[in-house]
Amino acid sequence: MVSLTSSTSSSPINLPLSGNGVVASHSTILGWDASKSPVIGYNIYRTPATHEAWSKVNSSPIITTSYTDWDVQSGGAYLFAVTAVSVENVESGFSNATVAAVP
């Protein structure tokens, strides 16, 4: 089983536009323990905290045990889950879900 944790952050980035401006960039940082079985990577799934349909956020398996999701909205709350992908390309069930509230 994969165990999942999360944290959120908000940091300013400079916009490459004429004039002055700063926009808040929001992210959620996820981390989990590595699978004890051989895997080729992990898939990350997200849903709004209102429990809509789960959506996979990565296009190919992630080979590390952390992921930063930059596609979250300020003031939003999300549920995240991770699956492991075996060397036979079989996906495990979902990990425990973790909640991330974005400031």
Protein backbone atom coordinates (compact mmCIF):
# COMPACT_ATOMS: atom_id res chain seq x y z
CA MET A 1 0.00 0.00 0.00
CA VAL A 2 1.20 3.51 -0.77
CA SER A 3 0.91 6.08 2.03
CA LEU A 4 0.31 9.66 0.87
CA THR A 5 0.89 13.07 2.50
CA SER A 6 0.44 16.59 1.17
CA SER A 7 1.28 20.22 1.82
CA THR A 8 0.25 23.39 0.04
CA SER A 9 2.06 26.58 -0.77
CA SER A 10 1.49 29.94 -2.34
CA SER A 11 4.41 31.85 -3.77
CA PRO A 12 4.66 34.94 -5.96
CA ILE A 13 6.09 34.72 -9.45
CA ASN A 14 6.93 37.61 -11.75
CA LEU A 15 4.83 37.88 -14.89
CA PRO A 16 6.72 38.38 -18.17
CA LEU A 17 4.44 41.27 -19.20
CA SER A 18 4.98 44.96 -19.69
CA GLY A 19 4.16 46.97 -16.60
CA ASN A 20 4.33 45.74 -13.03
CA GLY A 21 2.55 42.72 -11.66
CA VAL A 22 2.85 39.68 -9.47
CA VAL A 23 0.51 36.72 -9.45
CA ALA A 24 0.15 34.14 -6.72
CA SER A 25 1.08 30.68 -7.91
CA HIS A 26 -0.53 27.91 -5.89
CA SER A 27 0.65 24.36 -5.60
CA THR A 28 0.21 21.18 -3.63
CA ILE A 29 3.23 19.06 -2.82
CA LEU A 30 2.55 15.34 -2.44
CA GLY A 31 4.87 12.71 -1.03
CA TRP A 32 4.50 8.98 -0.40
CA ASP A 33 6.46 5.93 0.68
CA ALA A 34 7.93 3.79 -2.09
CA SER A 35 6.18 0.55 -2.93
CA LYS A 36 7.79 -2.57 -1.48
CA SER A 37 7.09 -4.36 -4.78
CA PRO A 38 9.01 -3.57 -7.99
CA VAL A 39 7.28 -0.71 -9.83
CA ILE A 40 7.93 1.42 -12.88
CA GLY A 41 6.32 4.45 -11.25
CA TYR A 42 3.21 5.99 -9.74
CA ASN A 43 0.05 7.72 -10.97
CA ILE A 44 -1.52 10.67 -9.15
CA TYR A 45 -5.28 11.15 -9.04
CA ARG A 46 -7.16 14.29 -7.94
CA THR A 47 -10.76 15.24 -7.30
CA PRO A 48 -12.28 18.36 -5.77
CA ALA A 49 -13.15 17.79 -2.12
CA THR A 50 -16.80 17.68 -3.25
CA HIS A 51 -16.02 14.09 -4.37
CA GLU A 52 -16.51 14.44 -8.09
CA ALA A 53 -14.89 11.98 -10.50
CA TRP A 54 -11.18 11.22 -9.98
CA SER A 55 -8.85 12.49 -12.71
CA LYS A 56 -5.31 11.29 -13.37
CA VAL A 57 -3.01 14.32 -13.31
CA ASN A 58 0.14 12.82 -14.85
CA SER A 59 0.50 11.56 -18.42
CA SER A 60 3.05 8.83 -17.66
CA PRO A 61 4.12 7.10 -14.44
CA ILE A 62 6.15 9.28 -12.07
CA ILE A 63 9.39 7.58 -11.05
CA THR A 64 9.96 9.54 -7.83
CA THR A 65 7.94 9.47 -4.59
CA SER A 66 6.89 13.11 -4.74
CA TYR A 67 4.89 15.34 -7.04
CA THR A 68 4.03 19.04 -7.13
CA ASP A 69 0.61 19.79 -8.57
CA TRP A 70 0.59 23.34 -9.96
CA ASP A 71 -2.94 23.01 -11.34
CA VAL A 72 -4.87 23.83 -8.16
CA GLN A 73 -6.97 26.91 -7.48
CA SER A 74 -6.69 29.35 -4.59
CA GLY A 75 -9.36 28.67 -2.00
CA GLY A 76 -9.97 25.18 -3.33
CA ALA A 77 -9.82 21.88 -1.48
CA TYR A 78 -8.80 18.68 -3.23
CA LEU A 79 -8.47 14.99 -2.50
CA PHE A 80 -5.43 13.15 -3.85
CA ALA A 81 -4.63 9.46 -4.17
CA VAL A 82 -1.68 7.56 -5.63
CA THR A 83 -1.43 4.22 -7.41
CA ALA A 84 1.65 2.14 -8.09
CA VAL A 85 2.33 0.76 -11.58
CA SER A 86 4.04 -2.65 -11.57
CA VAL A 87 6.79 -3.75 -13.96
CA GLU A 88 4.02 -5.71 -15.75
CA ASN A 89 2.25 -2.35 -16.26
CA VAL A 90 -0.58 -3.27 -13.85
CA GLU A 91 -1.94 -0.42 -11.73
CA SER A 92 -2.62 -0.96 -8.02
CA GLY A 93 -5.68 0.24 -6.17
CA PHE A 94 -5.78 3.76 -4.75
CA SER A 95 -3.73 4.71 -1.71
CA ASN A 96 -5.42 6.37 1.21
CA ALA A 97 -6.78 9.76 0.09
CA THR A 98 -5.30 12.93 1.50
CA VAL A 99 -6.90 16.38 1.55
CA ALA A 100 -5.10 19.52 0.46
CA ALA A 101 -6.68 22.91 1.14
CA VAL A 102 -5.10 25.61 -1.03
CA PRO A 103 -4.78 29.04 0.63
